[in-house]
């Protein structure tokens, strides 16, 4: 990814990194994880929203 930007979300005390992927879409991942992109979208906000949705599916599986 290029053009990295980090966003801080104080309610969850999380940092999300976004950037432009080689496929032309933006990607998002949690800073505390291994850097594997989990959210994609045509804007940074869309990538973050997709990341939140993916994390919701993971929590459902493990709860």
N, C-alpha and C. Protein backbone atom coordinates (compact mmCIF):
# COMPACT_ATOMS: atom_id res chain seq x y z
N UNK A 1 0.84 -1.17 0.00
CA UNK A 1 0.00 0.00 0.00
C UNK A 1 0.89 1.24 0.00
N UNK A 2 0.37 2.29 -0.61
CA UNK A 2 1.05 3.59 -0.60
C UNK A 2 0.09 4.63 -0.01
N UNK A 3 0.61 5.80 0.27
CA UNK A 3 -0.19 6.90 0.85
C UNK A 3 -0.86 6.49 2.16
N UNK A 4 -0.08 5.95 3.07
CA UNK A 4 -0.64 5.51 4.37
C UNK A 4 -1.13 6.70 5.17
N UNK A 5 -2.25 6.53 5.82
CA UNK A 5 -2.78 7.47 6.81
C UNK A 5 -3.31 6.65 7.97
N UNK A 6 -3.08 7.16 9.18
CA UNK A 6 -3.56 6.48 10.38
C UNK A 6 -4.67 7.30 11.02
N UNK A 7 -5.73 6.62 11.40
CA UNK A 7 -6.87 7.25 12.05
C UNK A 7 -7.04 6.65 13.43
N UNK A 8 -7.29 7.50 14.42
CA UNK A 8 -7.46 7.04 15.79
C UNK A 8 -8.93 7.11 16.17
N UNK A 9 -9.44 6.02 16.75
CA UNK A 9 -10.82 5.95 17.22
C UNK A 9 -10.79 5.78 18.73
N UNK A 10 -11.01 6.88 19.48
CA UNK A 10 -10.85 6.84 20.94
C UNK A 10 -11.85 5.93 21.66
N UNK A 11 -13.03 5.75 21.13
CA UNK A 11 -14.03 4.93 21.83
C UNK A 11 -13.54 3.48 22.00
N UNK A 12 -12.83 2.96 21.01
CA UNK A 12 -12.31 1.60 21.09
C UNK A 12 -10.81 1.58 21.33
N UNK A 13 -10.21 2.75 21.41
CA UNK A 13 -8.75 2.89 21.58
C UNK A 13 -8.01 2.09 20.50
N UNK A 14 -8.45 2.26 19.26
CA UNK A 14 -7.86 1.55 18.11
C UNK A 14 -7.33 2.55 17.10
N UNK A 15 -6.31 2.14 16.38
CA UNK A 15 -5.79 2.90 15.26
C UNK A 15 -5.98 2.06 14.00
N UNK A 16 -6.49 2.72 12.96
CA UNK A 16 -6.73 2.07 11.68
C UNK A 16 -5.82 2.73 10.65
N UNK A 17 -5.12 1.90 9.88
CA UNK A 17 -4.24 2.39 8.83
C UNK A 17 -4.94 2.18 7.50
N UNK A 18 -4.95 3.22 6.65
CA UNK A 18 -5.51 3.12 5.31
C UNK A 18 -4.45 3.50 4.31
N UNK A 19 -4.63 3.03 3.09
CA UNK A 19 -3.71 3.35 2.02
C UNK A 19 -4.23 2.85 0.69
N UNK A 20 -3.59 3.28 -0.36
CA UNK A 20 -3.98 2.90 -1.71
C UNK A 20 -3.31 1.58 -2.09
N UNK A 21 -4.12 0.61 -2.48
CA UNK A 21 -3.63 -0.72 -2.84
C UNK A 21 -3.29 -0.76 -4.33
N UNK A 22 -2.52 -1.76 -4.77
CA UNK A 22 -2.18 -1.89 -6.18
C UNK A 22 -3.38 -2.07 -7.11
N UNK A 23 -4.49 -2.56 -6.57
CA UNK A 23 -5.68 -2.77 -7.41
C UNK A 23 -6.48 -1.49 -7.62
N UNK A 24 -6.02 -0.37 -7.07
CA UNK A 24 -6.69 0.92 -7.27
C UNK A 24 -7.70 1.25 -6.20
N UNK A 25 -7.97 0.34 -5.29
CA UNK A 25 -8.89 0.60 -4.19
C UNK A 25 -8.10 0.95 -2.93
N UNK A 26 -8.80 1.56 -2.00
CA UNK A 26 -8.20 1.81 -0.70
C UNK A 26 -8.35 0.58 0.16
N UNK A 27 -7.39 0.36 1.03
CA UNK A 27 -7.43 -0.76 1.96
C UNK A 27 -7.31 -0.24 3.38
N UNK A 28 -7.80 -1.01 4.34
CA UNK A 28 -7.75 -0.62 5.75
C UNK A 28 -7.43 -1.85 6.59
N UNK A 29 -6.63 -1.62 7.65
CA UNK A 29 -6.33 -2.68 8.61
C UNK A 29 -6.07 -2.07 9.97
N UNK A 30 -6.19 -2.88 11.01
CA UNK A 30 -5.92 -2.43 12.37
C UNK A 30 -4.41 -2.35 12.57
N UNK A 31 -3.95 -1.28 13.16
CA UNK A 31 -2.52 -1.08 13.36
C UNK A 31 -1.91 -2.16 14.26
N UNK A 32 -2.69 -2.68 15.23
CA UNK A 32 -2.16 -3.65 16.18
C UNK A 32 -2.01 -5.04 15.58
N UNK A 33 -2.56 -5.27 14.38
CA UNK A 33 -2.48 -6.59 13.76
C UNK A 33 -1.28 -6.66 12.81
N UNK A 34 -1.19 -7.73 12.08
CA UNK A 34 -0.02 -8.03 11.25
C UNK A 34 0.05 -7.24 9.94
N UNK A 35 -0.89 -6.37 9.67
CA UNK A 35 -0.87 -5.59 8.44
C UNK A 35 -1.66 -6.20 7.31
N UNK A 36 -2.39 -7.27 7.59
CA UNK A 36 -3.23 -7.89 6.57
C UNK A 36 -4.46 -7.02 6.32
N UNK A 37 -4.63 -6.60 5.09
CA UNK A 37 -5.75 -5.72 4.75
C UNK A 37 -7.05 -6.50 4.85
N UNK A 38 -8.01 -5.95 5.59
CA UNK A 38 -9.31 -6.62 5.77
C UNK A 38 -10.45 -5.84 5.15
N UNK A 39 -10.27 -4.53 4.93
CA UNK A 39 -11.35 -3.73 4.37
C UNK A 39 -10.91 -3.06 3.07
N UNK A 40 -11.79 -3.06 2.09
CA UNK A 40 -11.52 -2.42 0.80
C UNK A 40 -12.66 -1.49 0.43
N UNK A 41 -12.35 -0.44 -0.33
CA UNK A 41 -13.38 0.46 -0.80
C UNK A 41 -12.80 1.49 -1.76
N UNK A 42 -13.69 2.26 -2.36
CA UNK A 42 -13.26 3.28 -3.32
C UNK A 42 -12.84 4.57 -2.64
N UNK A 43 -12.97 4.63 -1.33
CA UNK A 43 -12.51 5.77 -0.54
C UNK A 43 -11.98 5.23 0.79
N UNK A 44 -11.26 6.07 1.51
CA UNK A 44 -10.75 5.64 2.81
C UNK A 44 -11.90 5.30 3.75
N UNK A 45 -12.95 6.11 3.73
CA UNK A 45 -14.09 5.88 4.61
C UNK A 45 -14.79 4.55 4.27
N UNK A 46 -14.93 4.26 2.98
CA UNK A 46 -15.54 3.00 2.57
C UNK A 46 -14.69 1.81 3.01
N UNK A 47 -13.37 1.95 2.94
CA UNK A 47 -12.48 0.87 3.38
C UNK A 47 -12.60 0.65 4.88
N UNK A 48 -12.70 1.73 5.65
CA UNK A 48 -12.86 1.61 7.10
C UNK A 48 -14.21 0.95 7.42
N UNK A 49 -15.27 1.36 6.71
CA UNK A 49 -16.59 0.76 6.94
C UNK A 49 -16.56 -0.73 6.63
N UNK A 50 -15.88 -1.13 5.56
CA UNK A 50 -15.76 -2.55 5.22
C UNK A 50 -14.96 -3.29 6.28
N UNK A 51 -13.92 -2.67 6.80
CA UNK A 51 -13.12 -3.27 7.87
C UNK A 51 -13.99 -3.52 9.10
N UNK A 52 -14.81 -2.55 9.48
CA UNK A 52 -15.69 -2.71 10.65
C UNK A 52 -16.67 -3.85 10.42
N UNK A 53 -17.19 -3.95 9.21
CA UNK A 53 -18.12 -5.04 8.90
C UNK A 53 -17.42 -6.39 8.99
N UNK A 54 -16.20 -6.49 8.46
CA UNK A 54 -15.45 -7.74 8.53
C UNK A 54 -15.15 -8.13 9.97
N UNK A 55 -14.79 -7.15 10.80
CA UNK A 55 -14.52 -7.43 12.21
C UNK A 55 -15.78 -7.90 12.92
N UNK A 56 -16.93 -7.37 12.55
CA UNK A 56 -18.20 -7.82 13.12
C UNK A 56 -18.47 -9.27 12.81
N UNK A 57 -18.14 -9.70 11.59
CA UNK A 57 -18.33 -11.11 11.23
C UNK A 57 -17.39 -12.01 12.03
N UNK A 58 -16.19 -11.56 12.26
CA UNK A 58 -15.23 -12.35 13.05
C UNK A 58 -15.72 -12.50 14.48
N UNK A 59 -16.24 -11.42 15.07
CA UNK A 59 -16.73 -11.49 16.46
C UNK A 59 -17.92 -12.44 16.57
N UNK A 60 -18.79 -12.48 15.53
CA UNK A 60 -19.94 -13.39 15.56
C UNK A 60 -19.48 -14.85 15.57
N UNK A 61 -18.43 -15.15 14.83
CA UNK A 61 -17.94 -16.52 14.75
C UNK A 61 -17.37 -16.97 16.08
N UNK A 62 -16.66 -16.08 16.78
CA UNK A 62 -16.00 -16.46 18.02
C UNK A 62 -16.82 -16.21 19.27
N UNK A 63 -18.05 -15.76 19.14
CA UNK A 63 -18.87 -15.54 20.35
C UNK A 63 -19.91 -16.62 20.52
